[in-house]
Amino acid sequence: MRSNRDHKLLTQISEEITDIEFFTVGITENKFMLNKEKQKAVCLSFQNIGEYVKNISQELKDRYNDVEWVEIYGFRNIVAHEYSKIKMSQVWQMVQEDLPHLRADVEKILRNL
C-alpha cells in the first residue's frame, strides 16, 4: 500500500533530518567549514533524504506540491555525482534555513497520513 510506504519513507526523512541536526548542534558555520567529517556526514544525510524523496509516490507529491520535491532530489544528484563542486557555505545555509521548513512539512504530512 502506497500510504504505508510513503509513511516509512517520510519517517526515514525525519530521521535523517534529526541526524543533520545532531551533527550540527552547537557548532558555528566556521567550525562546520573546517570539519570535513561533519560536512560529509551532513551531505550523506542530504543524499539519503533525496533518495527517499525519489521513492515517495507521485500521488503524495502532487497532494503536497508546495514541498520542493524536485529540488531535494536534485541536490541528492549533486551530492552523489558532483560532490567536489558543492559549496559547503550553501550546505550550511540549507541546514539553517531549509531544513527546519522540510521538518515542518514532513511532520505535517505524517500527521495527515
C-alpha atoms as a PDB file:
ATOM      1  CA  MET A   1       0.000   0.000   0.000  1.00  0.00           C
ATOM      2  CA  ARG A   2       1.380   3.382  -1.047  1.00  0.00           C
ATOM      3  CA  SER A   3       0.464   5.237   2.093  1.00  0.00           C
ATOM      4  CA  ASN A   4       2.375   2.732   4.270  1.00  0.00           C
ATOM      5  CA  ARG A   5       5.412   3.038   2.005  1.00  0.00           C
ATOM      6  CA  ASP A   6       5.155   6.833   1.977  1.00  0.00           C
ATOM      7  CA  HIS A   7       4.844   6.831   5.754  1.00  0.00           C
ATOM      8  CA  LYS A   8       8.013   4.753   6.073  1.00  0.00           C
ATOM      9  CA  LEU A   9       9.923   6.983   3.632  1.00  0.00           C
ATOM     10  CA  LEU A  10       8.791  10.157   5.405  1.00  0.00           C
ATOM     11  CA  THR A  11       9.812   8.659   8.737  1.00  0.00           C
ATOM     12  CA  GLN A  12      13.245   7.911   7.289  1.00  0.00           C
ATOM     13  CA  ILE A  13      13.491  11.507   6.040  1.00  0.00           C
ATOM     14  CA  SER A  14      12.604  12.722   9.526  1.00  0.00           C
ATOM     15  CA  GLU A  15      15.359  10.531  10.983  1.00  0.00           C
ATOM     16  CA  GLU A  16      17.903  11.953   8.526  1.00  0.00           C
ATOM     17  CA  ILE A  17      16.843  15.478   9.480  1.00  0.00           C
ATOM     18  CA  THR A  18      17.382  14.552  13.129  1.00  0.00           C
ATOM     19  CA  ASP A  19      20.839  13.248  12.235  1.00  0.00           C
ATOM     20  CA  ILE A  20      21.757  16.511  10.477  1.00  0.00           C
ATOM     21  CA  GLU A  21      20.533  18.470  13.491  1.00  0.00           C
ATOM     22  CA  PHE A  22      22.672  16.252  15.744  1.00  0.00           C
ATOM     23  CA  PHE A  23      25.737  16.658  13.507  1.00  0.00           C
ATOM     24  CA  THR A  24      25.446  20.456  13.587  1.00  0.00           C
ATOM     25  CA  VAL A  25      24.138  21.214  17.068  1.00  0.00           C
ATOM     26  CA  GLY A  26      26.245  23.751  18.919  1.00  0.00           C
ATOM     27  CA  ILE A  27      28.677  24.468  16.106  1.00  0.00           C
ATOM     28  CA  THR A  28      29.194  27.645  14.153  1.00  0.00           C
ATOM     29  CA  GLU A  29      29.410  27.965  10.401  1.00  0.00           C
ATOM     30  CA  ASN A  30      33.148  28.472  10.752  1.00  0.00           C
ATOM     31  CA  LYS A  31      33.554  25.213  12.684  1.00  0.00           C
ATOM     32  CA  PHE A  32      31.423  23.422  10.111  1.00  0.00           C
ATOM     33  CA  MET A  33      33.580  24.815   7.308  1.00  0.00           C
ATOM     34  CA  LEU A  34      36.697  23.414   8.993  1.00  0.00           C
ATOM     35  CA  ASN A  35      35.282  19.982   9.817  1.00  0.00           C
ATOM     36  CA  LYS A  36      35.300  17.601   6.834  1.00  0.00           C
ATOM     37  CA  GLU A  37      33.756  14.819   8.908  1.00  0.00           C
ATOM     38  CA  LYS A  38      30.681  16.911   9.704  1.00  0.00           C
ATOM     39  CA  GLN A  39      30.465  18.119   6.117  1.00  0.00           C
ATOM     40  CA  LYS A  40      30.478  14.579   4.760  1.00  0.00           C
ATOM     41  CA  ALA A  41      28.007  13.351   7.377  1.00  0.00           C
ATOM     42  CA  VAL A  42      25.577  16.165   6.596  1.00  0.00           C
ATOM     43  CA  CYS A  43      25.918  15.654   2.849  1.00  0.00           C
ATOM     44  CA  LEU A  44      25.330  11.912   3.179  1.00  0.00           C
ATOM     45  CA  SER A  45      22.137  12.587   5.110  1.00  0.00           C
ATOM     46  CA  PHE A  46      21.021  15.055   2.423  1.00  0.00           C
ATOM     47  CA  GLN A  47      21.789  12.407  -0.187  1.00  0.00           C
ATOM     48  CA  ASN A  48      19.705   9.875   1.730  1.00  0.00           C
ATOM     49  CA  ILE A  49      16.835  12.356   2.026  1.00  0.00           C
ATOM     50  CA  GLY A  50      16.906  12.823  -1.735  1.00  0.00           C
ATOM     51  CA  GLU A  51      16.858   9.091  -2.316  1.00  0.00           C
ATOM     52  CA  TYR A  52      13.821   8.681  -0.050  1.00  0.00           C
ATOM     53  CA  VAL A  53      12.101  11.589  -1.798  1.00  0.00           C
ATOM     54  CA  LYS A  54      12.653   9.904  -5.155  1.00  0.00           C
ATOM     55  CA  ASN A  55      10.663   6.897  -3.930  1.00  0.00           C
ATOM     56  CA  ILE A  56       7.696   8.781  -2.458  1.00  0.00           C
ATOM     57  CA  SER A  57       4.551   8.222  -4.500  1.00  0.00           C
ATOM     58  CA  GLN A  58       3.686  10.795  -7.136  1.00  0.00           C
ATOM     59  CA  GLU A  59       0.220  10.977  -5.597  1.00  0.00           C
ATOM     60  CA  LEU A  60       1.640  12.257  -2.306  1.00  0.00           C
ATOM     61  CA  LYS A  61       3.997  14.654  -4.090  1.00  0.00           C
ATOM     62  CA  ASP A  62       1.068  16.038  -6.067  1.00  0.00           C
ATOM     63  CA  ARG A  63      -1.027  16.427  -2.923  1.00  0.00           C
ATOM     64  CA  TYR A  64       1.794  18.306  -1.168  1.00  0.00           C
ATOM     65  CA  ASN A  65       3.108  20.211  -4.158  1.00  0.00           C
ATOM     66  CA  ASP A  66       4.345  23.117  -2.037  1.00  0.00           C
ATOM     67  CA  VAL A  67       7.256  20.912  -0.898  1.00  0.00           C
ATOM     68  CA  GLU A  68      10.257  21.329  -3.188  1.00  0.00           C
ATOM     69  CA  TRP A  69      10.499  17.632  -4.089  1.00  0.00           C
ATOM     70  CA  VAL A  70      12.380  18.206  -7.366  1.00  0.00           C
ATOM     71  CA  GLU A  71      14.972  20.462  -5.724  1.00  0.00           C
ATOM     72  CA  ILE A  72      15.508  17.996  -2.880  1.00  0.00           C
ATOM     73  CA  TYR A  73      16.143  15.161  -5.306  1.00  0.00           C
ATOM     74  CA  GLY A  74      18.256  17.451  -7.482  1.00  0.00           C
ATOM     75  CA  PHE A  75      20.569  18.173  -4.563  1.00  0.00           C
ATOM     76  CA  ARG A  76      20.858  14.432  -3.982  1.00  0.00           C
ATOM     77  CA  ASN A  77      22.196  14.101  -7.524  1.00  0.00           C
ATOM     78  CA  ILE A  78      24.747  16.843  -6.940  1.00  0.00           C
ATOM     79  CA  VAL A  79      25.967  15.196  -3.734  1.00  0.00           C
ATOM     80  CA  ALA A  80      26.134  11.790  -5.392  1.00  0.00           C
ATOM     81  CA  HIS A  81      27.704  12.788  -8.690  1.00  0.00           C
ATOM     82  CA  GLU A  82      29.364  16.189  -8.286  1.00  0.00           C
ATOM     83  CA  TYR A  83      30.464  16.278  -4.639  1.00  0.00           C
ATOM     84  CA  SER A  84      33.633  18.247  -5.397  1.00  0.00           C
ATOM     85  CA  LYS A  85      31.536  21.121  -6.785  1.00  0.00           C
ATOM     86  CA  ILE A  86      29.477  21.596  -3.622  1.00  0.00           C
ATOM     87  CA  LYS A  87      29.947  24.847  -1.744  1.00  0.00           C
ATOM     88  CA  MET A  88      29.830  23.990   1.933  1.00  0.00           C
ATOM     89  CA  SER A  89      28.637  27.505   2.754  1.00  0.00           C
ATOM     90  CA  GLN A  90      25.490  26.687   0.764  1.00  0.00           C
ATOM     91  CA  VAL A  91      25.109  23.384   2.609  1.00  0.00           C
ATOM     92  CA  TRP A  92      25.338  25.273   5.897  1.00  0.00           C
ATOM     93  CA  GLN A  93      22.707  27.713   4.666  1.00  0.00           C
ATOM     94  CA  MET A  94      20.441  24.786   3.745  1.00  0.00           C
ATOM     95  CA  VAL A  95      20.871  23.337   7.239  1.00  0.00           C
ATOM     96  CA  GLN A  96      19.981  26.658   8.843  1.00  0.00           C
ATOM     97  CA  GLU A  97      17.191  27.843   6.527  1.00  0.00           C
ATOM     98  CA  ASP A  98      15.726  24.969   4.506  1.00  0.00           C
ATOM     99  CA  LEU A  99      15.928  22.035   6.893  1.00  0.00           C
ATOM    100  CA  PRO A 100      13.528  23.485   9.501  1.00  0.00           C
ATOM    101  CA  HIS A 101      10.923  24.003   6.758  1.00  0.00           C
ATOM    102  CA  LEU A 102      11.406  20.464   5.483  1.00  0.00           C
ATOM    103  CA  ARG A 103      10.990  19.107   9.019  1.00  0.00           C
ATOM    104  CA  ALA A 104       7.744  21.050   9.423  1.00  0.00           C
ATOM    105  CA  ASP A 105       6.476  19.811   6.046  1.00  0.00           C
ATOM    106  CA  VAL A 106       7.338  16.187   6.805  1.00  0.00           C
ATOM    107  CA  GLU A 107       5.724  16.338  10.239  1.00  0.00           C
ATOM    108  CA  LYS A 108       2.564  17.871   8.740  1.00  0.00           C
ATOM    109  CA  ILE A 109       2.341  15.188   6.067  1.00  0.00           C
ATOM    110  CA  LEU A 110       2.921  12.398   8.594  1.00  0.00           C
ATOM    111  CA  ARG A 111       0.122  13.757  10.790  1.00  0.00           C
ATOM    112  CA  ASN A 112      -2.229  13.722   7.806  1.00  0.00           C
ATOM    113  CA  LEU A 113      -1.449  10.224   6.538  1.00  0.00           C
END
